[in-house]
Protein backbone atom coordinates (compact mmCIF):
# COMPACT_ATOMS: atom_id res chain seq x y z
CA MET A 1 83.83 133.35 61.75
CA LYS A 2 83.31 135.96 64.47
CA ARG A 3 85.99 138.66 64.70
CA VAL A 4 86.86 139.64 68.26
CA VAL A 5 88.49 142.68 69.84
CA LEU A 6 89.77 142.00 73.37
CA LEU A 7 90.39 144.93 75.70
CA GLY A 8 92.35 143.76 78.73
CA SER A 9 94.18 140.85 77.16
CA THR A 10 96.82 140.29 79.85
CA GLY A 11 94.51 139.93 82.87
CA SER A 12 92.85 136.72 84.04
CA ILE A 13 89.74 137.19 81.87
CA GLY A 14 91.90 138.17 78.92
CA THR A 15 94.14 135.12 79.13
CA SER A 16 91.09 132.86 79.51
CA THR A 17 89.60 134.49 76.42
CA LEU A 18 92.71 133.62 74.45
CA LYS A 19 92.26 129.97 75.48
CA VAL A 20 88.69 130.05 74.16
CA VAL A 21 89.81 131.57 70.86
CA GLU A 22 92.54 128.95 70.51
CA ASP A 23 89.97 126.20 71.20
CA LEU A 24 87.74 127.47 68.36
CA PRO A 25 90.01 128.59 65.50
CA ASP A 26 87.27 127.99 62.93
CA ARG A 27 84.76 130.13 64.85
CA LEU A 28 86.71 132.98 66.48
CA GLN A 29 89.46 135.31 65.26
CA LEU A 30 91.25 137.92 67.36
CA ILE A 31 91.72 141.12 65.39
CA GLY A 32 92.51 143.53 68.23
CA LEU A 33 94.29 143.31 71.60
CA ALA A 34 94.71 145.96 74.29
CA ALA A 35 96.76 145.67 77.47
CA GLY A 36 97.69 147.81 80.45
CA ASN A 37 101.44 147.85 81.08
CA ASN A 38 102.39 144.19 80.65
CA VAL A 39 104.14 144.88 77.38
CA ASP A 40 106.03 141.57 77.23
CA LEU A 41 102.88 139.46 77.51
CA LEU A 42 101.05 141.66 74.98
CA ILE A 43 103.88 141.13 72.50
CA THR A 44 103.77 137.37 73.09
CA GLN A 45 100.00 137.30 72.57
CA ALA A 46 100.14 139.47 69.45
CA THR A 47 102.96 137.42 67.97
CA ARG A 48 100.86 134.29 68.37
CA HIS A 49 97.51 135.66 67.15
CA ARG A 50 98.65 138.34 64.66
CA PRO A 51 95.85 140.88 65.26
CA MET A 52 95.54 143.81 62.88
CA ALA A 53 95.84 146.31 65.76
CA VAL A 54 97.00 146.46 69.38
CA SER A 55 97.03 149.12 72.08
CA ILE A 56 99.18 149.59 75.17
CA SER A 57 98.27 151.90 78.04
CA ASP A 58 101.67 153.61 78.26
CA ALA A 59 102.50 155.68 75.19
CA ALA A 60 106.21 155.38 76.00
CA LYS A 61 106.03 151.66 75.17
CA VAL A 62 104.51 152.04 71.70
CA ASN A 63 107.86 151.93 69.90
CA GLN A 64 108.87 148.78 71.76
CA VAL A 65 105.67 147.06 70.64
CA LYS A 66 106.04 148.32 67.06
CA SER A 67 109.60 147.05 66.90
CA ALA A 68 108.59 143.61 68.15
CA LEU A 69 105.54 143.18 65.91
CA GLY A 70 106.68 144.79 62.68
CA GLU A 71 104.74 146.74 60.07
CA GLY A 72 101.78 144.35 59.86
CA THR A 73 100.20 145.45 63.15
CA ARG A 74 98.97 148.94 63.98
CA VAL A 75 99.99 150.08 67.48
CA SER A 76 98.28 152.79 69.52
CA SER A 77 98.04 153.81 73.18
CA GLY A 78 95.87 155.31 75.91
CA THR A 79 92.15 156.00 75.71
CA ASP A 80 92.38 156.88 72.04
CA GLY A 81 93.93 153.50 71.36
CA LEU A 82 91.14 151.68 73.21
CA ILE A 83 88.47 153.56 71.29
CA ALA A 84 90.25 152.88 67.99
CA LEU A 85 90.20 149.15 68.72
CA ALA A 86 86.61 149.19 69.98
CA THR A 87 85.43 150.79 66.75
CA LEU A 88 87.41 148.72 64.24
CA PRO A 89 85.11 148.34 61.21
CA GLU A 90 86.06 144.67 60.91
CA ALA A 91 85.06 143.79 64.51
CA ASP A 92 81.90 141.83 65.29
CA ILE A 93 82.18 141.86 69.08
CA VAL A 94 84.28 143.71 71.65
CA LEU A 95 85.06 141.96 74.95
CA ILE A 96 85.85 144.49 77.66
CA ALA A 97 87.90 143.13 80.55
CA ILE A 98 89.56 146.35 81.70
CA VAL A 99 89.48 146.96 85.44
CA GLY A 100 88.11 150.31 86.60
CA THR A 101 86.54 153.20 84.75
CA ALA A 102 88.83 152.97 81.71
CA GLY A 103 86.47 150.52 80.00
CA LEU A 104 83.47 152.87 79.94
CA ALA A 105 84.46 155.16 77.05
CA PRO A 106 85.44 152.29 74.68
CA ALA A 107 82.27 150.40 75.63
CA LEU A 108 80.08 153.30 74.59
CA ALA A 109 82.19 153.89 71.47
CA ALA A 110 81.79 150.23 70.45
CA ILE A 111 78.03 150.36 70.95
CA ARG A 112 77.71 153.55 68.93
CA ALA A 113 79.77 151.91 66.17
CA GLY A 114 77.23 149.08 66.04
CA LYS A 115 79.33 146.44 67.80
CA ASP A 116 78.03 143.86 70.25
CA ILE A 117 79.93 144.06 73.53
CA ALA A 118 80.75 141.38 76.09
CA VAL A 119 81.19 142.91 79.54
CA ALA A 120 83.59 141.56 82.15
CA SER A 121 84.23 144.93 83.81
CA LYS A 122 81.75 145.59 86.62
CA GLU A 123 82.27 149.35 86.56
CA ILE A 124 80.68 149.74 83.12
CA LEU A 125 77.20 148.70 84.24
CA VAL A 126 77.51 149.76 87.87
CA MET A 127 78.48 153.32 87.00
CA ALA A 128 76.54 153.84 83.79
CA GLY A 129 74.15 150.94 83.37
CA GLU A 130 71.21 153.15 82.42
CA THR A 131 73.26 154.99 79.78
CA VAL A 132 74.92 151.86 78.38
CA MET A 133 71.69 149.89 78.02
CA HIS A 134 69.86 152.89 76.52
CA GLU A 135 72.59 153.25 73.91
CA ALA A 136 72.57 149.51 73.19
CA ARG A 137 68.81 149.58 72.52
CA LYS A 138 69.17 152.71 70.41
CA HIS A 139 71.86 151.16 68.21
CA GLY A 140 70.40 147.65 68.12
CA VAL A 141 73.36 145.83 69.65
CA ARG A 142 73.70 143.21 72.38
CA VAL A 143 75.31 143.65 75.78
CA LEU A 144 76.43 140.14 76.75
CA ALA A 145 77.51 139.11 80.23
CA VAL A 146 80.88 137.52 80.96
CA ASP A 147 80.61 137.34 84.76
CA SER A 148 79.60 133.76 85.57
CA GLU A 149 76.60 134.92 87.63
CA HIS A 150 75.17 137.18 84.95
CA SER A 151 75.92 134.69 82.20
CA ALA A 152 73.96 132.12 84.21
CA ILE A 153 70.95 134.43 84.49
CA PHE A 154 71.16 135.28 80.79
CA GLN A 155 71.14 131.58 79.91
CA CYS A 156 68.21 130.87 82.22
CA LEU A 157 66.13 133.80 80.97
CA ASP A 158 66.60 132.71 77.34
CA GLY A 159 64.73 135.74 76.01
CA LYS A 160 61.87 135.70 78.54
CA PRO A 161 60.52 139.22 79.29
CA PRO A 162 61.14 140.94 82.65
CA ALA A 163 57.43 140.66 83.47
CA SER A 164 57.77 136.86 83.63
CA VAL A 165 60.40 137.08 86.41
CA ARG A 166 59.62 137.03 90.13
CA ASN A 167 63.26 137.21 91.27
CA LEU A 168 66.80 136.96 90.01
CA TRP A 169 68.97 134.96 92.43
CA LEU A 170 72.69 135.72 92.43
CA THR A 171 74.76 133.10 94.24
CA ALA A 172 77.67 134.07 96.48
CA SER A 173 80.42 131.89 97.91
CA GLY A 174 80.20 133.81 101.19
CA GLY A 175 83.91 134.57 101.29
CA PRO A 176 86.43 133.59 103.97
CA PHE A 177 84.31 134.87 106.89
CA ARG A 178 81.03 133.17 106.05
CA ASP A 179 81.00 131.09 109.26
CA ALA A 180 79.45 133.34 111.91
CA THR A 181 80.47 130.96 114.70
CA ARG A 182 84.14 131.24 113.82
CA TRP A 183 83.96 134.87 112.70
CA PRO A 184 81.35 136.66 114.87
CA LYS A 185 80.63 140.34 114.34
CA THR A 186 82.80 141.29 117.33
CA VAL A 187 86.03 140.06 115.69
CA LEU A 188 85.47 141.61 112.24
CA PRO A 189 87.07 145.01 113.05
CA ASP A 190 90.33 143.25 113.92
CA LEU A 191 90.61 141.07 110.82
CA THR A 192 93.94 141.36 109.03
CA LEU A 193 94.72 141.78 105.35
CA GLU A 194 96.25 138.31 105.29
CA GLN A 195 93.06 136.76 106.67
CA ALA A 196 90.87 138.62 104.18
CA LEU A 197 93.01 137.44 101.26
CA LYS A 198 92.53 133.75 102.14
CA HIS A 199 89.49 133.01 100.00
CA PRO A 200 88.25 129.45 100.60
CA SER A 201 87.62 128.68 96.92
CA TRP A 202 89.46 131.00 94.54
CA VAL A 203 92.82 132.57 93.83
CA MET A 204 91.98 136.04 92.52
CA GLY A 205 93.39 139.55 92.41
CA ARG A 206 93.67 141.52 95.64
CA LYS A 207 90.76 143.91 95.03
CA ILE A 208 88.20 141.27 94.04
CA THR A 209 89.32 139.00 96.90
CA ILE A 210 88.70 141.74 99.46
CA ASP A 211 85.37 142.55 97.78
CA SER A 212 84.41 138.90 98.13
CA ALA A 213 85.28 138.99 101.84
CA THR A 214 83.09 142.09 102.43
CA LEU A 215 80.39 140.96 99.93
CA PHE A 216 80.84 144.26 98.06
CA ASN A 217 81.52 142.13 94.99
CA LYS A 218 78.01 140.69 95.20
CA GLY A 219 76.59 144.15 95.79
CA LEU A 220 78.19 145.38 92.57
CA GLU A 221 76.73 142.37 90.77
CA MET A 222 73.25 143.22 92.07
CA ILE A 223 73.46 146.66 90.45
CA GLU A 224 74.82 145.13 87.24
CA ALA A 225 71.92 142.68 87.09
CA ARG A 226 69.38 145.44 87.67
CA TRP A 227 70.43 147.20 84.45
CA LEU A 228 71.55 144.26 82.35
CA PHE A 229 68.20 142.48 82.67
CA ASP A 230 65.91 145.50 83.18
CA ILE A 231 64.77 144.22 86.59
CA GLU A 232 64.25 146.64 89.48
CA MET A 233 66.38 146.11 92.58
CA ALA A 234 63.50 144.72 94.64
CA ARG A 235 63.59 141.61 92.44
CA VAL A 236 67.38 141.11 92.62
CA GLN A 237 68.26 138.71 95.45
CA VAL A 238 71.39 137.05 96.84
CA VAL A 239 71.79 133.58 98.31
CA VAL A 240 75.01 132.15 99.74
CA HIS A 241 76.10 128.93 98.01
CA PRO A 242 79.58 127.89 99.22
CA GLN A 243 80.15 125.17 96.58
CA SER A 244 79.81 127.68 93.69
CA ILE A 245 78.32 125.07 91.37
CA VAL A 246 74.99 126.87 90.90
CA HIS A 247 76.17 130.08 89.24
CA SER A 248 72.81 131.86 89.57
CA MET A 249 69.07 131.26 89.16
CA VAL A 250 65.91 132.80 87.78
CA GLU A 251 62.64 132.45 89.67
CA PHE A 252 59.65 132.94 87.40
CA VAL A 253 56.23 134.29 88.35
CA ASP A 254 54.69 130.80 88.33
CA GLY A 255 57.19 129.60 90.96
CA ALA A 256 59.49 127.69 88.59
CA LEU A 257 63.23 128.10 89.14
CA LEU A 258 65.84 127.65 86.43
CA ALA A 259 69.52 127.44 87.35
CA GLN A 260 72.77 127.15 85.42
CA LEU A 261 75.22 124.72 87.01
CA SER A 262 78.77 123.68 86.21
CA THR A 263 82.19 123.23 87.71
CA PRO A 264 83.56 126.79 87.87
CA ASP A 265 85.65 127.78 84.86
CA MET A 266 85.55 131.26 83.32
CA CYS A 267 86.15 129.83 79.86
CA LEU A 268 82.50 128.68 79.81
CA PRO A 269 80.78 132.10 80.16
CA ILE A 270 83.42 133.71 77.93
CA GLN A 271 82.79 131.16 75.19
CA TYR A 272 79.02 131.51 75.55
CA ALA A 273 79.23 135.29 75.16
CA LEU A 274 81.58 135.20 72.18
CA CYS A 275 79.66 132.48 70.33
CA TYR A 276 76.12 133.57 71.22
CA PRO A 277 73.52 132.55 70.14
CA ASP A 278 75.31 129.30 69.27
CA ARG A 279 76.82 126.77 71.65
CA GLN A 280 80.14 125.24 70.62
CA ARG A 281 81.68 122.02 71.86
CA SER A 282 84.28 122.32 74.62
CA ASP A 283 85.82 119.72 76.91
CA ARG A 284 87.27 122.24 79.36
CA VAL A 285 84.37 122.04 81.84
CA GLN A 286 83.57 118.64 83.33
CA THR A 287 80.96 118.47 86.11
CA HIS A 288 80.56 115.29 88.19
CA PHE A 289 77.65 115.57 90.61
CA ALA A 290 78.43 112.33 92.45
CA LYS A 291 81.85 113.70 93.34
CA ILE A 292 80.40 117.08 94.36
CA GLY A 293 77.90 115.29 96.59
CA THR A 294 76.09 118.16 98.31
CA LEU A 295 74.88 121.62 97.35
CA THR A 296 73.93 123.96 100.21
CA PHE A 297 72.35 127.41 100.45
CA GLU A 298 72.20 130.06 103.19
CA GLU A 299 70.74 133.50 103.75
CA PRO A 300 73.38 136.25 103.48
CA ASP A 301 74.20 137.83 106.84
CA THR A 302 73.56 141.53 106.23
CA ASP A 303 74.22 142.35 109.87
CA ARG A 304 77.85 141.25 109.59
CA PHE A 305 78.11 142.22 105.90
CA PRO A 306 75.96 145.34 105.29
CA ALA A 307 77.53 145.98 101.87
CA LEU A 308 74.52 144.26 100.30
CA LEU A 309 72.18 146.79 101.93
CA LEU A 310 74.29 149.68 100.65
CA ALA A 311 74.24 148.18 97.16
CA ARG A 312 70.47 147.81 97.24
CA ARG A 313 70.15 151.44 98.32
CA ALA A 314 72.48 152.60 95.53
CA GLY A 315 70.61 150.57 92.93
CA GLU A 316 67.17 151.71 94.08
CA ILE A 317 68.07 155.42 94.14
CA GLY A 318 70.18 155.20 90.98
CA GLY A 319 71.50 158.32 89.29
CA THR A 320 75.08 158.99 90.32
CA LEU A 321 74.86 156.99 93.58
CA PRO A 322 76.04 153.63 92.13
CA ALA A 323 79.16 155.35 90.78
CA VAL A 324 79.81 156.78 94.23
CA PHE A 325 79.24 153.36 95.86
CA ASN A 326 81.79 151.80 93.50
CA ALA A 327 84.43 154.53 93.71
CA ALA A 328 84.30 154.91 97.50
CA ASN A 329 84.72 151.16 97.86
CA GLU A 330 87.80 151.15 95.62
CA ILE A 331 89.48 153.79 97.79
CA ALA A 332 88.43 152.08 101.03
CA VAL A 333 89.76 148.71 99.88
CA GLU A 334 93.08 150.26 98.92
CA GLN A 335 93.31 151.91 102.35
CA PHE A 336 92.58 148.57 104.02
CA CYS A 337 95.29 146.94 101.91
CA GLN A 338 97.68 149.70 103.03
CA ARG A 339 96.65 148.93 106.65
CA GLN A 340 95.20 152.44 107.04
CA LEU A 341 91.62 151.25 107.59
CA SER A 342 89.98 148.38 109.45
CA PHE A 343 88.03 145.63 107.69
CA THR A 344 84.67 146.97 108.91
CA GLY A 345 85.91 150.48 108.16
CA ILE A 346 85.58 149.68 104.44
CA THR A 347 81.79 149.49 104.65
CA GLU A 348 81.51 152.38 107.10
CA LYS A 349 83.56 154.67 104.85
CA VAL A 350 81.41 153.84 101.83
CA ARG A 351 78.27 154.48 103.86
CA ARG A 352 79.54 157.93 104.95
CA VAL A 353 80.51 158.94 101.41
CA MET A 354 77.11 157.83 100.10
CA ASP A 355 75.37 159.81 102.86
CA GLU A 356 77.28 162.97 101.87
CA HIS A 357 76.59 162.68 98.15
CA GLN A 358 74.02 164.88 96.39
CA VAL A 359 72.54 162.51 93.82
CA THR A 360 72.10 163.63 90.22
CA GLU A 361 69.22 161.83 88.52
CA ARG A 362 69.55 160.64 84.89
CA PRO A 363 73.16 161.84 84.75
CA THR A 364 75.23 162.42 81.64
CA LEU A 365 78.48 160.52 81.20
CA GLU A 366 80.37 163.63 82.31
CA GLN A 367 78.28 163.84 85.50
CA ILE A 368 78.89 160.15 86.23
CA LEU A 369 82.64 160.59 85.87
CA ALA A 370 82.51 163.74 88.01
CA ALA A 371 80.67 161.79 90.75
CA ASP A 372 83.32 159.08 90.53
CA ILE A 373 86.10 161.64 91.06
CA TRP A 374 84.19 163.35 93.90
CA ALA A 375 83.65 160.02 95.68
CA ARG A 376 87.33 159.09 95.44
CA GLU A 377 88.41 162.45 96.82
CA SER A 378 85.82 162.30 99.58
CA ALA A 379 86.79 158.75 100.57
CA ALA A 380 90.46 159.65 100.57
CA ARG A 381 89.78 162.44 103.06
């Protein structure tokens, strides 16, 4: 039995994680749940799974949760609550699915407490990948990928050393504007929020949908992969694969390519991370190649979508620049969603903020967080 703490239980990754736990009651047990402000769903989840501790972001809602759950469940709040859950002595693994920078402190706390972590929050490895992986090696714990692309690479590598790898290949759907004939570069500045939110394959949150349209999402994943697999940026590549059946690939030095394929379902990488190194039976994912028919691949168009070039620059320079790349993009996306910035203005704003930043090499956590704040303020101006 593996005992699981889940930070971010009410989001899409969190609710999928609960499905996985319910599928494998003899293998997985939830002992901690943390949520943002969706107090009603947290109470429903905790009533069903009876964890020993829960945390809610808003301290004003603690009494409501305590009243609903009774004396058997400890209730905390804020950053202290997240860290308390992440360091529960009884926990075997902590799955972090908190959006934004809030997941970084509990991730490091869990590692230092000797817990394996499963990472679904891009910011943790984008902002502080060097620090997180150094701490994981120091404390002898695993950092397991939950993103489907990074889970695919992890499965394909299967313990092979970085020296055996020629390239990591992250696949991208291409987003709603993949077709250059229909969406030439000249029309991109005039794209509307409604158009950008019409992803051809997925129904996702607003931020990640816009990031998919600009390819910033894939840029963030490039930086994640660089640290997670100890592969320099020059060997992290992107290929557009609209069907999203091949989740990513590893190209080895002898020319062999290994890929992980399946019908998309986040329950699969979540289950793999939580049960690693074992595989457990699940009937959730069914892949029928005859029905799929065709798999296609294209070069990413970095002229129309230069976010990939900015990501490569941030990952190659390192230091505090990836944190700036991430934070500036968050502000720019929000401004686009508020109709204060054009679609192409997102990338241009990030570029300008990166150009203005004085990079700190081998930063401390405090310096990383300071760079994040600086980038947000700079982008907002």
